[in-house]
């Protein structure tokens, strides 16, 4: 298990040496809650949650809600819909039946409890969720703008999305903390994801050039 500096986020490594992120941990906790019959309300992620999480929860008959990024939005929606479990890909997980805020130690203990109760390893518990390939490019701009208001950006994004034939998605948004436009593309085909992300980022750069010369996009893992 690994916690961040202030201990509100946790990620884990399974017995096969693979990183298990917040989306996968959220799936494990949600599935266990459904099996026990004590999961209340929908599971809440964010707009940046991996599409595989939403699809995996749909297969377990659990509903999924996705507000804007940031734990405060997850908490607000959980309170609004009467849910108890939500979180972010980063590992900031809210278990409101145990505590009132994100706590990496409490989240980790809940996962360990599921492992203890089921006798299953982390890899087995997470096997029901297929994590879709995802690319996030940050296009630095001189002036923030709404990429969804730029016709050339929207047209390119729509063209890329059609290639996924319903098995992928695109998120375009201006960062609230940095002068960057975030271009997130995910889908069933890793090559289509990479190609699509590059195409959209290039069009975003061209639109941003009207307000100043942007820096090259940086890929975030």
C-alpha atoms as a PDB file:
ATOM      1  CA  UNK A   1       0.000   0.000   0.000  1.00  0.00           C
ATOM      2  CA  UNK A   2       1.175   3.538  -0.683  1.00  0.00           C
ATOM      3  CA  UNK A   3      -0.289   6.737   0.773  1.00  0.00           C
ATOM      4  CA  UNK A   4       0.240  10.291  -0.378  1.00  0.00           C
ATOM      5  CA  UNK A   5       1.761  12.978   1.825  1.00  0.00           C
ATOM      6  CA  UNK A   6      -1.315  13.833   3.870  1.00  0.00           C
ATOM      7  CA  UNK A   7      -2.702  10.297   3.875  1.00  0.00           C
ATOM      8  CA  UNK A   8      -6.029  10.887   2.147  1.00  0.00           C
ATOM      9  CA  UNK A   9      -5.127   8.864  -0.962  1.00  0.00           C
ATOM     10  CA  UNK A  10      -4.075   5.247  -1.315  1.00  0.00           C
ATOM     11  CA  UNK A  11      -3.038   2.951  -4.145  1.00  0.00           C
ATOM     12  CA  UNK A  12      -2.027  -0.677  -3.807  1.00  0.00           C
ATOM     13  CA  UNK A  13       0.046  -3.287  -5.619  1.00  0.00           C
ATOM     14  CA  UNK A  14      -1.445  -6.734  -6.175  1.00  0.00           C
ATOM     15  CA  UNK A  15       0.290 -10.087  -5.904  1.00  0.00           C
ATOM     16  CA  UNK A  16       1.181  -9.921  -9.610  1.00  0.00           C
ATOM     17  CA  UNK A  17       3.099  -6.675  -9.109  1.00  0.00           C
ATOM     18  CA  UNK A  18       0.500  -4.458 -10.796  1.00  0.00           C
ATOM     19  CA  UNK A  19      -0.601  -1.074  -9.506  1.00  0.00           C
ATOM     20  CA  UNK A  20      -4.234  -1.002  -8.383  1.00  0.00           C
ATOM     21  CA  UNK A  21      -5.521   2.573  -8.583  1.00  0.00           C
ATOM     22  CA  UNK A  22      -8.502   4.312  -7.017  1.00  0.00           C
ATOM     23  CA  UNK A  23     -10.960   3.253  -9.726  1.00  0.00           C
ATOM     24  CA  UNK A  24     -10.061  -0.410  -9.235  1.00  0.00           C
ATOM     25  CA  UNK A  25     -10.185  -0.144  -5.441  1.00  0.00           C
ATOM     26  CA  UNK A  26     -13.565   1.559  -5.724  1.00  0.00           C
ATOM     27  CA  UNK A  27     -14.815  -1.342  -7.857  1.00  0.00           C
ATOM     28  CA  UNK A  28     -13.582  -3.902  -5.315  1.00  0.00           C
ATOM     29  CA  UNK A  29     -15.326  -2.119  -2.439  1.00  0.00           C
ATOM     30  CA  UNK A  30     -18.530  -1.590  -4.429  1.00  0.00           C
ATOM     31  CA  UNK A  31     -18.704  -5.230  -5.539  1.00  0.00           C
ATOM     32  CA  UNK A  32     -18.120  -6.426  -1.974  1.00  0.00           C
ATOM     33  CA  UNK A  33     -20.835  -4.103  -0.680  1.00  0.00           C
ATOM     34  CA  UNK A  34     -23.270  -5.420  -3.272  1.00  0.00           C
ATOM     35  CA  UNK A  35     -22.425  -9.019  -2.394  1.00  0.00           C
ATOM     36  CA  UNK A  36     -23.034  -8.295   1.282  1.00  0.00           C
ATOM     37  CA  UNK A  37     -26.192  -6.338   0.500  1.00  0.00           C
ATOM     38  CA  UNK A  38     -25.174  -3.233   2.428  1.00  0.00           C
ATOM     39  CA  UNK A  39     -24.162  -0.844  -0.372  1.00  0.00           C
ATOM     40  CA  UNK A  40     -26.465   2.183  -0.243  1.00  0.00           C
ATOM     41  CA  UNK A  41     -27.081   4.500  -3.154  1.00  0.00           C
ATOM     42  CA  UNK A  42     -25.076   4.787  -6.361  1.00  0.00           C
ATOM     43  CA  UNK A  43     -21.286   4.657  -6.473  1.00  0.00           C
ATOM     44  CA  UNK A  44     -19.897   8.100  -7.273  1.00  0.00           C
ATOM     45  CA  UNK A  45     -16.766   8.665  -9.320  1.00  0.00           C
ATOM     46  CA  UNK A  46     -15.721  11.678 -11.381  1.00  0.00           C
ATOM     47  CA  UNK A  47     -15.777  12.627 -15.036  1.00  0.00           C
ATOM     48  CA  UNK A  48     -12.155  11.404 -15.148  1.00  0.00           C
ATOM     49  CA  UNK A  49     -12.930   7.951 -13.744  1.00  0.00           C
ATOM     50  CA  UNK A  50     -11.962   5.138 -16.096  1.00  0.00           C
ATOM     51  CA  UNK A  51     -14.808   4.030 -18.345  1.00  0.00           C
ATOM     52  CA  UNK A  52     -14.078   0.450 -17.328  1.00  0.00           C
ATOM     53  CA  UNK A  53     -15.307   1.240 -13.815  1.00  0.00           C
ATOM     54  CA  UNK A  54     -18.704   2.407 -15.060  1.00  0.00           C
ATOM     55  CA  UNK A  55     -19.077  -0.621 -17.340  1.00  0.00           C
ATOM     56  CA  UNK A  56     -18.010  -3.071 -14.613  1.00  0.00           C
ATOM     57  CA  UNK A  57     -20.471  -1.609 -12.122  1.00  0.00           C
ATOM     58  CA  UNK A  58     -23.241  -1.754 -14.721  1.00  0.00           C
ATOM     59  CA  UNK A  59     -22.619  -5.484 -15.044  1.00  0.00           C
ATOM     60  CA  UNK A  60     -23.129  -5.860 -11.282  1.00  0.00           C
ATOM     61  CA  UNK A  61     -26.402  -3.897 -11.458  1.00  0.00           C
ATOM     62  CA  UNK A  62     -24.905  -1.008  -9.499  1.00  0.00           C
ATOM     63  CA  UNK A  63     -25.595   2.540 -10.669  1.00  0.00           C
ATOM     64  CA  UNK A  64     -22.785   5.032 -11.204  1.00  0.00           C
ATOM     65  CA  UNK A  65     -22.726   8.822 -11.030  1.00  0.00           C
ATOM     66  CA  UNK A  66     -19.899  11.073 -12.177  1.00  0.00           C
ATOM     67  CA  UNK A  67     -19.653  14.757 -11.207  1.00  0.00           C
ATOM     68  CA  UNK A  68     -16.729  17.051 -11.901  1.00  0.00           C
ATOM     69  CA  UNK A  69     -13.283  16.135 -10.651  1.00  0.00           C
ATOM     70  CA  UNK A  70     -12.308  16.882  -7.036  1.00  0.00           C
ATOM     71  CA  UNK A  71     -13.275  15.049  -3.890  1.00  0.00           C
ATOM     72  CA  UNK A  72     -15.570  17.865  -2.739  1.00  0.00           C
ATOM     73  CA  UNK A  73     -17.819  17.254  -5.753  1.00  0.00           C
ATOM     74  CA  UNK A  74     -17.843  13.520  -5.038  1.00  0.00           C
ATOM     75  CA  UNK A  75     -18.818  14.198  -1.425  1.00  0.00           C
ATOM     76  CA  UNK A  76     -21.544  16.648  -2.449  1.00  0.00           C
ATOM     77  CA  UNK A  77     -23.114  14.142  -4.831  1.00  0.00           C
ATOM     78  CA  UNK A  78     -22.902  11.289  -2.313  1.00  0.00           C
ATOM     79  CA  UNK A  79     -24.811  13.450   0.153  1.00  0.00           C
ATOM     80  CA  UNK A  80     -27.295  14.434  -2.541  1.00  0.00           C
ATOM     81  CA  UNK A  81     -28.106  10.882  -3.680  1.00  0.00           C
ATOM     82  CA  UNK A  82     -27.721   9.116  -0.334  1.00  0.00           C
ATOM     83  CA  UNK A  83     -24.657   7.128  -1.355  1.00  0.00           C
ATOM     84  CA  UNK A  84     -21.828   5.971   0.899  1.00  0.00           C
ATOM     85  CA  UNK A  85     -19.028   5.057  -1.520  1.00  0.00           C
ATOM     86  CA  UNK A  86     -17.201   7.217  -4.018  1.00  0.00           C
ATOM     87  CA  UNK A  87     -13.794   8.413  -5.056  1.00  0.00           C
ATOM     88  CA  UNK A  88     -11.227   9.424  -7.643  1.00  0.00           C
ATOM     89  CA  UNK A  89      -8.727   7.557  -9.806  1.00  0.00           C
ATOM     90  CA  UNK A  90      -5.962   9.041  -7.657  1.00  0.00           C
ATOM     91  CA  UNK A  91      -7.064   6.868  -4.731  1.00  0.00           C
ATOM     92  CA  UNK A  92      -9.024   9.484  -2.797  1.00  0.00           C
ATOM     93  CA  UNK A  93     -11.875   7.231  -1.681  1.00  0.00           C
ATOM     94  CA  UNK A  94     -14.819   8.173   0.504  1.00  0.00           C
ATOM     95  CA  UNK A  95     -16.333   5.460   2.702  1.00  0.00           C
ATOM     96  CA  UNK A  96     -19.051   7.505   4.371  1.00  0.00           C
ATOM     97  CA  UNK A  97     -20.340   4.536   6.363  1.00  0.00           C
ATOM     98  CA  UNK A  98     -16.946   4.534   8.130  1.00  0.00           C
ATOM     99  CA  UNK A  99     -15.823   8.151   8.186  1.00  0.00           C
ATOM    100  CA  UNK A 100     -16.789  11.616   6.965  1.00  0.00           C
ATOM    101  CA  UNK A 101     -13.868  12.353   4.657  1.00  0.00           C
ATOM    102  CA  UNK A 102     -11.228  10.694   2.487  1.00  0.00           C
ATOM    103  CA  UNK A 103      -8.776   8.666   4.575  1.00  0.00           C
ATOM    104  CA  UNK A 104      -6.231   6.420   2.855  1.00  0.00           C
ATOM    105  CA  UNK A 105      -5.750   4.174   5.886  1.00  0.00           C
ATOM    106  CA  UNK A 106      -9.479   3.574   6.316  1.00  0.00           C
ATOM    107  CA  UNK A 107      -9.890   2.894   2.585  1.00  0.00           C
ATOM    108  CA  UNK A 108      -6.987   0.442   2.637  1.00  0.00           C
ATOM    109  CA  UNK A 109      -8.400  -1.323   5.695  1.00  0.00           C
ATOM    110  CA  UNK A 110     -11.729  -1.775   3.915  1.00  0.00           C
ATOM    111  CA  UNK A 111      -9.967  -3.446   0.988  1.00  0.00           C
ATOM    112  CA  UNK A 112      -7.939  -5.663   3.334  1.00  0.00           C
ATOM    113  CA  UNK A 113     -11.161  -6.598   5.094  1.00  0.00           C
ATOM    114  CA  UNK A 114     -12.668  -7.749   1.780  1.00  0.00           C
ATOM    115  CA  UNK A 115      -9.545  -9.834   1.101  1.00  0.00           C
ATOM    116  CA  UNK A 116      -9.794 -11.376   4.557  1.00  0.00           C
ATOM    117  CA  UNK A 117     -13.509 -12.133   4.284  1.00  0.00           C
ATOM    118  CA  UNK A 118     -13.342 -13.621   0.796  1.00  0.00           C
ATOM    119  CA  UNK A 119      -9.926 -15.253   0.942  1.00  0.00           C
ATOM    120  CA  UNK A 120      -9.234 -13.765  -2.490  1.00  0.00           C
ATOM    121  CA  UNK A 121      -6.139 -11.885  -3.588  1.00  0.00           C
ATOM    122  CA  UNK A 122      -6.236  -8.341  -4.858  1.00  0.00           C
ATOM    123  CA  UNK A 123      -5.772  -9.438  -8.474  1.00  0.00           C
ATOM    124  CA  UNK A 124      -8.744 -11.806  -8.280  1.00  0.00           C
ATOM    125  CA  UNK A 125     -10.969  -9.217  -6.621  1.00  0.00           C
ATOM    126  CA  UNK A 126     -10.237  -6.657  -9.293  1.00  0.00           C
ATOM    127  CA  UNK A 127     -10.527  -9.045 -12.236  1.00  0.00           C
ATOM    128  CA  UNK A 128     -14.142  -8.047 -12.894  1.00  0.00           C
ATOM    129  CA  UNK A 129     -13.090  -4.575 -13.995  1.00  0.00           C
ATOM    130  CA  UNK A 130     -11.317  -4.123 -17.298  1.00  0.00           C
ATOM    131  CA  UNK A 131      -9.368  -0.888 -17.234  1.00  0.00           C
ATOM    132  CA  UNK A 132      -9.658   0.851 -20.600  1.00  0.00           C
ATOM    133  CA  UNK A 133      -6.512   2.333 -22.161  1.00  0.00           C
ATOM    134  CA  UNK A 134      -6.452   6.047 -21.393  1.00  0.00           C
ATOM    135  CA  UNK A 135      -4.301   8.975 -22.506  1.00  0.00           C
ATOM    136  CA  UNK A 136      -4.355  12.397 -20.871  1.00  0.00           C
ATOM    137  CA  UNK A 137      -2.616  15.276 -22.634  1.00  0.00           C
ATOM    138  CA  UNK A 138      -2.251  18.704 -21.058  1.00  0.00           C
ATOM    139  CA  UNK A 139      -2.076  21.451 -23.652  1.00  0.00           C
ATOM    140  CA  UNK A 140      -0.607  24.562 -22.055  1.00  0.00           C
ATOM    141  CA  UNK A 141      -2.263  27.786 -23.151  1.00  0.00           C
ATOM    142  CA  UNK A 142      -1.690  31.491 -22.620  1.00  0.00           C
ATOM    143  CA  UNK A 143      -5.379  32.001 -21.807  1.00  0.00           C
ATOM    144  CA  UNK A 144      -7.893  29.458 -20.545  1.00  0.00           C
ATOM    145  CA  UNK A 145     -10.895  28.863 -22.789  1.00  0.00           C
ATOM    146  CA  UNK A 146     -13.716  26.370 -23.050  1.00  0.00           C
ATOM    147  CA  UNK A 147     -12.642  23.816 -25.689  1.00  0.00           C
ATOM    148  CA  UNK A 148     -16.281  22.768 -26.164  1.00  0.00           C
ATOM    149  CA  UNK A 149     -17.007  26.236 -27.550  1.00  0.00           C
ATOM    150  CA  UNK A 150     -14.429  25.866 -30.319  1.00  0.00           C
ATOM    151  CA  UNK A 151     -16.080  24.391 -33.469  1.00  0.00           C
ATOM    152  CA  UNK A 152     -12.860  22.874 -34.843  1.00  0.00           C
ATOM    153  CA  UNK A 153     -12.131  21.144 -31.528  1.00  0.00           C
ATOM    154  CA  UNK A 154     -15.677  19.807 -31.221  1.00  0.00           C
ATOM    155  CA  UNK A 155     -15.682  18.531 -34.826  1.00  0.00           C
ATOM    156  CA  UNK A 156     -12.391  16.682 -34.363  1.00  0.00           C
ATOM    157  CA  UNK A 157     -13.501  15.199 -31.042  1.00  0.00           C
ATOM    158  CA  UNK A 158     -16.718  13.937 -32.643  1.00  0.00           C
ATOM    159  CA  UNK A 159     -14.783  12.339 -35.494  1.00  0.00           C
ATOM    160  CA  UNK A 160     -12.459  10.578 -33.049  1.00  0.00           C
ATOM    161  CA  UNK A 161     -15.333   9.414 -30.863  1.00  0.00           C
ATOM    162  CA  UNK A 162     -17.112   7.817 -33.829  1.00  0.00           C
ATOM    163  CA  UNK A 163     -14.154   5.490 -34.345  1.00  0.00           C
ATOM    164  CA  UNK A 164     -14.751   3.912 -30.940  1.00  0.00           C
ATOM    165  CA  UNK A 165     -18.244   2.796 -31.952  1.00  0.00           C
ATOM    166  CA  UNK A 166     -19.645   3.326 -28.459  1.00  0.00           C
ATOM    167  CA  UNK A 167     -16.659   1.777 -26.675  1.00  0.00           C
ATOM    168  CA  UNK A 168     -14.758   4.902 -25.786  1.00  0.00           C
ATOM    169  CA  UNK A 169     -15.138   8.507 -24.690  1.00  0.00           C
ATOM    170  CA  UNK A 170     -13.473  11.906 -24.734  1.00  0.00           C
ATOM    171  CA  UNK A 171     -13.260  14.529 -22.003  1.00  0.00           C
ATOM    172  CA  UNK A 172     -12.190  18.083 -22.828  1.00  0.00           C
ATOM    173  CA  UNK A 173     -11.960  20.691 -20.101  1.00  0.00           C
ATOM    174  CA  UNK A 174      -9.953  23.647 -18.940  1.00  0.00           C
ATOM    175  CA  UNK A 175      -8.018  23.037 -15.740  1.00  0.00           C
ATOM    176  CA  UNK A 176      -9.212  25.017 -12.767  1.00  0.00           C
ATOM    177  CA  UNK A 177      -5.708  25.272 -11.310  1.00  0.00           C
ATOM    178  CA  UNK A 178      -3.319  25.492 -14.284  1.00  0.00           C
ATOM    179  CA  UNK A 179      -3.332  27.313 -17.646  1.00  0.00           C
ATOM    180  CA  UNK A 180      -3.898  24.062 -19.521  1.00  0.00           C
ATOM    181  CA  UNK A 181      -6.625  22.359 -21.507  1.00  0.00           C
ATOM    182  CA  UNK A 182      -6.957  18.701 -20.534  1.00  0.00           C
ATOM    183  CA  UNK A 183      -7.545  16.273 -23.385  1.00  0.00           C
ATOM    184  CA  UNK A 184      -8.521  12.840 -22.094  1.00  0.00           C
ATOM    185  CA  UNK A 185      -9.278   9.993 -24.477  1.00  0.00           C
ATOM    186  CA  UNK A 186     -10.011   6.401 -23.525  1.00  0.00           C
ATOM    187  CA  UNK A 187     -11.392   3.378 -25.303  1.00  0.00           C
ATOM    188  CA  UNK A 188     -11.096  -0.308 -26.077  1.00  0.00           C
ATOM    189  CA  UNK A 189      -8.239   0.099 -28.591  1.00  0.00           C
ATOM    190  CA  UNK A 190      -4.982   1.574 -27.273  1.00  0.00           C
ATOM    191  CA  UNK A 191      -3.786   2.629 -30.736  1.00  0.00           C
ATOM    192  CA  UNK A 192      -7.019   4.477 -31.472  1.00  0.00           C
ATOM    193  CA  UNK A 193      -6.769   6.166 -28.074  1.00  0.00           C
ATOM    194  CA  UNK A 194      -3.220   7.414 -28.640  1.00  0.00           C
ATOM    195  CA  UNK A 195      -3.903   8.572 -32.194  1.00  0.00           C
ATOM    196  CA  UNK A 196      -7.149  10.296 -31.225  1.00  0.00           C
ATOM    197  CA  UNK A 197      -5.579  12.108 -28.283  1.00  0.00           C
ATOM    198  CA  UNK A 198      -2.796  13.460 -30.477  1.00  0.00           C
ATOM    199  CA  UNK A 199      -5.248  14.648 -33.134  1.00  0.00           C
ATOM    200  CA  UNK A 200      -7.460  16.476 -30.654  1.00  0.00           C
ATOM    201  CA  UNK A 201      -4.489  17.994 -28.811  1.00  0.00           C
ATOM    202  CA  UNK A 202      -3.147  19.370 -32.095  1.00  0.00           C
ATOM    203  CA  UNK A 203      -6.458  21.090 -32.852  1.00  0.00           C
ATOM    204  CA  UNK A 204      -6.613  22.462 -29.294  1.00  0.00           C
ATOM    205  CA  UNK A 205      -3.098  23.863 -29.763  1.00  0.00           C
ATOM    206  CA  UNK A 206      -4.166  25.547 -32.986  1.00  0.00           C
ATOM    207  CA  UNK A 207      -7.180  27.112 -31.251  1.00  0.00           C
ATOM    208  CA  UNK A 208      -5.013  28.199 -28.336  1.00  0.00           C
ATOM    209  CA  UNK A 209      -2.508  29.838 -30.689  1.00  0.00           C
ATOM    210  CA  UNK A 210      -5.018  32.635 -31.205  1.00  0.00           C
ATOM    211  CA  UNK A 211      -4.343  33.646 -27.613  1.00  0.00           C
ATOM    212  CA  UNK A 212      -0.610  32.953 -27.569  1.00  0.00           C
ATOM    213  CA  UNK A 213       1.896  30.267 -28.381  1.00  0.00           C
ATOM    214  CA  UNK A 214       1.196  27.079 -26.320  1.00  0.00           C
ATOM    215  CA  UNK A 215       3.809  24.727 -24.997  1.00  0.00           C
ATOM    216  CA  UNK A 216       3.932  21.137 -26.202  1.00  0.00           C
ATOM    217  CA  UNK A 217       1.420  18.811 -24.521  1.00  0.00           C
ATOM    218  CA  UNK A 218       2.686  16.665 -21.654  1.00  0.00           C
ATOM    219  CA  UNK A 219       1.476  13.107 -21.209  1.00  0.00           C
ATOM    220  CA  UNK A 220       0.345  12.256 -17.677  1.00  0.00           C
ATOM    221  CA  UNK A 221       0.391   8.656 -16.500  1.00  0.00           C
END
